[in-house]
Amino acid sequence: MLIPKKNRIAIYEHLFREGVMVAYKDFNAPKHPELESLPNLQVIKAMQSLKSRGYVTETYNWRHYYWYLNNEGINYLREFLHLPVEIVPTTLRRAVRQEGQRPRPKGFGGAPSGRPEEDRSTYRRADGFGGAEGKPAGAGSDFKPEFRGGFGRGAPRGGRGGPQ
């Protein structure tokens, strides 16, 4: 499909900026939801072209196309759009921590905040849960389960040579 160069550049710039592109599978839609000046069909066909060249990975789910830019696609778009190496898609940027960010709760790595560590260990070793006062955990040595067949696949069936 012939796509005007200014539209193709707008699609590629958006893809490079975000790292992903989403389009609803509606070839007759007058405009794309994110690129409102472009028809949805042109966005789908431009992305289909990049997919056939191996620059994006396509996922289709619930009438939506999802395209993810891969490393070869990043290099291709960098050359096509004449961008320096320092500029990377949003999906590859690390989140920048801000100074005014909320501090983590004190008990983040260990026990829940407000409770000492020993509460957890005493709960696990409390009577009836095994391991307390030298009692072994689990079923005793005198436990002998019996399996007599019953319901479902193991049910005894008569006739036709099945298990009795």
C-alpha atoms as a PDB file:
ATOM      1  CA  MET A   1       0.000   0.000   0.000  1.00  0.00           C
ATOM      2  CA  LEU A   2       1.285   3.447  -0.818  1.00  0.00           C
ATOM      3  CA  ILE A   3       1.595   5.543   2.334  1.00  0.00           C
ATOM      4  CA  PRO A   4       2.645   9.200   2.099  1.00  0.00           C
ATOM      5  CA  LYS A   5       6.136   9.782   3.498  1.00  0.00           C
ATOM      6  CA  LYS A   6       4.966  12.275   6.150  1.00  0.00           C
ATOM      7  CA  ASN A   7       2.473   9.672   7.460  1.00  0.00           C
ATOM      8  CA  ARG A   8       5.097   6.919   7.463  1.00  0.00           C
ATOM      9  CA  ILE A   9       7.508   9.182   9.379  1.00  0.00           C
ATOM     10  CA  ALA A  10       4.775  10.047  11.917  1.00  0.00           C
ATOM     11  CA  ILE A  11       4.059   6.325  12.453  1.00  0.00           C
ATOM     12  CA  TYR A  12       7.753   5.469  12.814  1.00  0.00           C
ATOM     13  CA  GLU A  13       8.384   8.387  15.196  1.00  0.00           C
ATOM     14  CA  HIS A  14       5.519   7.308  17.421  1.00  0.00           C
ATOM     15  CA  LEU A  15       6.697   3.693  17.361  1.00  0.00           C
ATOM     16  CA  PHE A  16      10.271   4.681  18.218  1.00  0.00           C
ATOM     17  CA  ARG A  17       9.179   7.058  20.991  1.00  0.00           C
ATOM     18  CA  GLU A  18       6.887   4.531  22.701  1.00  0.00           C
ATOM     19  CA  GLY A  19       8.539   1.237  21.699  1.00  0.00           C
ATOM     20  CA  VAL A  20       5.098  -0.297  21.110  1.00  0.00           C
ATOM     21  CA  MET A  21       2.126   0.344  18.846  1.00  0.00           C
ATOM     22  CA  VAL A  22      -1.502  -0.697  19.307  1.00  0.00           C
ATOM     23  CA  ALA A  23      -4.226  -0.691  16.662  1.00  0.00           C
ATOM     24  CA  TYR A  24      -7.814  -1.901  16.692  1.00  0.00           C
ATOM     25  CA  LYS A  25      -8.564  -4.274  13.826  1.00  0.00           C
ATOM     26  CA  ASP A  26     -10.827  -1.950  11.889  1.00  0.00           C
ATOM     27  CA  PHE A  27      -9.560  -1.302   8.386  1.00  0.00           C
ATOM     28  CA  ASN A  28     -12.314   1.237   7.727  1.00  0.00           C
ATOM     29  CA  ALA A  29     -11.671   3.426  10.781  1.00  0.00           C
ATOM     30  CA  PRO A  30     -11.156   7.030   9.649  1.00  0.00           C
ATOM     31  CA  LYS A  31      -8.370   7.677  12.191  1.00  0.00           C
ATOM     32  CA  HIS A  32      -6.039   5.846  14.544  1.00  0.00           C
ATOM     33  CA  PRO A  33      -6.760   6.491  18.262  1.00  0.00           C
ATOM     34  CA  GLU A  34      -3.189   7.619  19.093  1.00  0.00           C
ATOM     35  CA  LEU A  35      -2.240   9.167  15.741  1.00  0.00           C
ATOM     36  CA  GLU A  36      -5.472  11.001  15.056  1.00  0.00           C
ATOM     37  CA  SER A  37      -4.379  12.602  11.781  1.00  0.00           C
ATOM     38  CA  LEU A  38      -3.709   9.182  10.178  1.00  0.00           C
ATOM     39  CA  PRO A  39      -6.110   6.495   8.953  1.00  0.00           C
ATOM     40  CA  ASN A  40      -6.010   3.276  10.960  1.00  0.00           C
ATOM     41  CA  LEU A  41      -5.415   1.252   7.778  1.00  0.00           C
ATOM     42  CA  GLN A  42      -2.154   3.080   7.064  1.00  0.00           C
ATOM     43  CA  VAL A  43      -0.888   2.384  10.594  1.00  0.00           C
ATOM     44  CA  ILE A  44      -1.755  -1.325  10.320  1.00  0.00           C
ATOM     45  CA  LYS A  45      -0.136  -1.674   6.892  1.00  0.00           C
ATOM     46  CA  ALA A  46       3.029   0.206   7.896  1.00  0.00           C
ATOM     47  CA  MET A  47       3.404  -2.040  10.929  1.00  0.00           C
ATOM     48  CA  GLN A  48       2.692  -5.108   8.798  1.00  0.00           C
ATOM     49  CA  SER A  49       5.557  -4.038   6.537  1.00  0.00           C
ATOM     50  CA  LEU A  50       7.922  -3.722   9.528  1.00  0.00           C
ATOM     51  CA  LYS A  51       6.781  -7.124  10.758  1.00  0.00           C
ATOM     52  CA  SER A  52       7.537  -8.790   7.421  1.00  0.00           C
ATOM     53  CA  ARG A  53      11.068  -7.346   7.562  1.00  0.00           C
ATOM     54  CA  GLY A  54      11.539  -8.650  11.116  1.00  0.00           C
ATOM     55  CA  TYR A  55      11.727  -5.278  12.900  1.00  0.00           C
ATOM     56  CA  VAL A  56       8.685  -5.736  15.149  1.00  0.00           C
ATOM     57  CA  THR A  57       6.972  -8.617  16.912  1.00  0.00           C
ATOM     58  CA  GLU A  58       3.204  -8.821  16.438  1.00  0.00           C
ATOM     59  CA  THR A  59       0.653 -10.078  18.919  1.00  0.00           C
ATOM     60  CA  TYR A  60      -3.058 -10.214  18.108  1.00  0.00           C
ATOM     61  CA  ASN A  61      -5.584 -10.449  20.907  1.00  0.00           C
ATOM     62  CA  TRP A  62      -9.268  -9.522  21.142  1.00  0.00           C
ATOM     63  CA  ARG A  63      -9.382  -7.585  17.840  1.00  0.00           C
ATOM     64  CA  HIS A  64      -6.290  -5.548  18.726  1.00  0.00           C
ATOM     65  CA  TYR A  65      -2.878  -5.701  17.132  1.00  0.00           C
ATOM     66  CA  TYR A  66       0.118  -5.134  19.414  1.00  0.00           C
ATOM     67  CA  TRP A  67       3.538  -4.522  17.864  1.00  0.00           C
ATOM     68  CA  TYR A  68       6.737  -4.501  19.940  1.00  0.00           C
ATOM     69  CA  LEU A  69       9.930  -3.000  18.572  1.00  0.00           C
ATOM     70  CA  ASN A  70      12.947  -5.326  18.710  1.00  0.00           C
ATOM     71  CA  ASN A  71      16.675  -4.457  18.583  1.00  0.00           C
ATOM     72  CA  GLU A  72      16.912  -4.688  14.789  1.00  0.00           C
ATOM     73  CA  GLY A  73      13.885  -2.424  14.504  1.00  0.00           C
ATOM     74  CA  ILE A  74      15.449   0.130  16.846  1.00  0.00           C
ATOM     75  CA  ASN A  75      18.574   0.239  14.673  1.00  0.00           C
ATOM     76  CA  TYR A  76      16.523   0.505  11.460  1.00  0.00           C
ATOM     77  CA  LEU A  77      14.335   3.344  12.786  1.00  0.00           C
ATOM     78  CA  ARG A  78      17.403   5.139  14.157  1.00  0.00           C
ATOM     79  CA  GLU A  79      18.892   5.147  10.667  1.00  0.00           C
ATOM     80  CA  PHE A  80      15.582   5.970   8.927  1.00  0.00           C
ATOM     81  CA  LEU A  81      14.771   8.890  11.267  1.00  0.00           C
ATOM     82  CA  HIS A  82      18.433  10.044  11.579  1.00  0.00           C
ATOM     83  CA  LEU A  83      18.438   9.804  15.395  1.00  0.00           C
ATOM     84  CA  PRO A  84      21.527   9.679  17.628  1.00  0.00           C
ATOM     85  CA  VAL A  85      22.400   6.593  19.668  1.00  0.00           C
ATOM     86  CA  GLU A  86      21.537   8.344  22.970  1.00  0.00           C
ATOM     87  CA  ILE A  87      17.821   8.441  22.145  1.00  0.00           C
ATOM     88  CA  VAL A  88      16.071   5.197  23.088  1.00  0.00           C
ATOM     89  CA  PRO A  89      12.405   4.091  23.164  1.00  0.00           C
ATOM     90  CA  THR A  90      10.420   4.548  26.364  1.00  0.00           C
ATOM     91  CA  THR A  91      10.244   0.796  26.910  1.00  0.00           C
ATOM     92  CA  LEU A  92      14.041   0.627  27.272  1.00  0.00           C
ATOM     93  CA  ARG A  93      14.436   3.571  29.653  1.00  0.00           C
ATOM     94  CA  ARG A  94      14.922   2.960  33.324  1.00  0.00           C
ATOM     95  CA  ALA A  95      12.533   4.683  35.684  1.00  0.00           C
ATOM     96  CA  VAL A  96      14.197   7.711  37.267  1.00  0.00           C
ATOM     97  CA  ARG A  97      13.824   7.849  41.032  1.00  0.00           C
ATOM     98  CA  GLN A  98      12.700  11.200  42.326  1.00  0.00           C
ATOM     99  CA  GLU A  99      13.909  12.696  45.598  1.00  0.00           C
ATOM    100  CA  GLY A 100      10.396  13.343  46.909  1.00  0.00           C
ATOM    101  CA  GLN A 101       9.327   9.741  46.439  1.00  0.00           C
ATOM    102  CA  ARG A 102       7.454   8.030  49.244  1.00  0.00           C
ATOM    103  CA  PRO A 103       9.725   5.906  51.511  1.00  0.00           C
ATOM    104  CA  ARG A 104       9.207   2.165  51.707  1.00  0.00           C
ATOM    105  CA  PRO A 105       7.690   0.685  54.871  1.00  0.00           C
ATOM    106  CA  LYS A 106      10.279  -0.480  57.401  1.00  0.00           C
ATOM    107  CA  GLY A 107       9.192  -4.114  57.307  1.00  0.00           C
ATOM    108  CA  PHE A 108       9.420  -4.438  53.526  1.00  0.00           C
ATOM    109  CA  GLY A 109      12.056  -7.197  53.372  1.00  0.00           C
ATOM    110  CA  GLY A 110      11.147  -9.161  56.497  1.00  0.00           C
ATOM    111  CA  ALA A 111       8.091  -9.461  58.691  1.00  0.00           C
ATOM    112  CA  PRO A 112       5.079  -7.194  58.188  1.00  0.00           C
ATOM    113  CA  SER A 113       5.538  -3.807  59.806  1.00  0.00           C
ATOM    114  CA  GLY A 114       4.447  -3.572  63.424  1.00  0.00           C
ATOM    115  CA  ARG A 115       5.110  -7.246  64.197  1.00  0.00           C
ATOM    116  CA  PRO A 116       8.322  -8.749  65.475  1.00  0.00           C
ATOM    117  CA  GLU A 117      10.027 -11.604  63.630  1.00  0.00           C
ATOM    118  CA  GLU A 118       9.275 -14.125  66.378  1.00  0.00           C
ATOM    119  CA  ASP A 119       5.493 -13.944  65.806  1.00  0.00           C
ATOM    120  CA  ARG A 120       5.918 -15.636  62.456  1.00  0.00           C
ATOM    121  CA  SER A 121       8.174 -18.385  63.768  1.00  0.00           C
ATOM    122  CA  THR A 122       5.920 -19.113  66.780  1.00  0.00           C
ATOM    123  CA  TYR A 123       2.903 -19.340  64.507  1.00  0.00           C
ATOM    124  CA  ARG A 124       4.603 -21.912  62.325  1.00  0.00           C
ATOM    125  CA  ARG A 125       5.665 -23.995  65.311  1.00  0.00           C
ATOM    126  CA  ALA A 126       2.469 -23.666  67.377  1.00  0.00           C
ATOM    127  CA  ASP A 127       0.733 -26.796  68.706  1.00  0.00           C
ATOM    128  CA  GLY A 128      -1.236 -28.578  66.052  1.00  0.00           C
ATOM    129  CA  PHE A 129       0.908 -27.266  63.220  1.00  0.00           C
ATOM    130  CA  GLY A 130       3.768 -29.704  63.729  1.00  0.00           C
ATOM    131  CA  GLY A 131       7.305 -29.201  64.823  1.00  0.00           C
ATOM    132  CA  ALA A 132       6.485 -27.868  68.324  1.00  0.00           C
ATOM    133  CA  GLU A 133       7.957 -29.459  71.429  1.00  0.00           C
ATOM    134  CA  GLY A 134       9.847 -32.119  69.489  1.00  0.00           C
ATOM    135  CA  LYS A 135       6.769 -33.558  67.782  1.00  0.00           C
ATOM    136  CA  PRO A 136       7.389 -34.528  64.155  1.00  0.00           C
ATOM    137  CA  ALA A 137       5.337 -32.785  61.532  1.00  0.00           C
ATOM    138  CA  GLY A 138       3.072 -34.690  59.150  1.00  0.00           C
ATOM    139  CA  ALA A 139       1.221 -37.996  59.435  1.00  0.00           C
ATOM    140  CA  GLY A 140       2.368 -40.465  62.051  1.00  0.00           C
ATOM    141  CA  SER A 141       4.085 -43.781  61.317  1.00  0.00           C
ATOM    142  CA  ASP A 142       0.880 -45.694  62.069  1.00  0.00           C
ATOM    143  CA  PHE A 143      -1.036 -43.915  59.274  1.00  0.00           C
ATOM    144  CA  LYS A 144      -1.898 -46.479  56.543  1.00  0.00           C
ATOM    145  CA  PRO A 145      -4.177 -45.063  53.822  1.00  0.00           C
ATOM    146  CA  GLU A 146      -6.358 -47.433  51.819  1.00  0.00           C
ATOM    147  CA  PHE A 147      -7.358 -46.842  48.226  1.00  0.00           C
ATOM    148  CA  ARG A 148     -10.391 -48.918  47.305  1.00  0.00           C
ATOM    149  CA  GLY A 149     -11.427 -47.437  44.019  1.00  0.00           C
ATOM    150  CA  GLY A 150     -14.336 -45.133  44.026  1.00  0.00           C
ATOM    151  CA  PHE A 151     -15.530 -42.330  41.850  1.00  0.00           C
ATOM    152  CA  GLY A 152     -14.322 -40.925  38.557  1.00  0.00           C
ATOM    153  CA  ARG A 153     -11.788 -42.804  36.486  1.00  0.00           C
ATOM    154  CA  GLY A 154     -10.918 -45.216  39.245  1.00  0.00           C
ATOM    155  CA  ALA A 155     -14.514 -46.374  39.708  1.00  0.00           C
ATOM    156  CA  PRO A 156     -15.097 -50.100  39.143  1.00  0.00           C
ATOM    157  CA  ARG A 157     -17.039 -50.742  35.940  1.00  0.00           C
ATOM    158  CA  GLY A 158     -18.759 -53.873  34.914  1.00  0.00           C
ATOM    159  CA  GLY A 159     -18.670 -55.428  31.431  1.00  0.00           C
ATOM    160  CA  ARG A 160     -16.599 -54.563  28.367  1.00  0.00           C
ATOM    161  CA  GLY A 161     -13.328 -55.752  29.817  1.00  0.00           C
ATOM    162  CA  GLY A 162     -12.745 -52.663  31.994  1.00  0.00           C
ATOM    163  CA  PRO A 163     -11.143 -52.883  35.440  1.00  0.00           C
ATOM    164  CA  GLN A 164     -13.363 -54.648  37.928  1.00  0.00           C
END
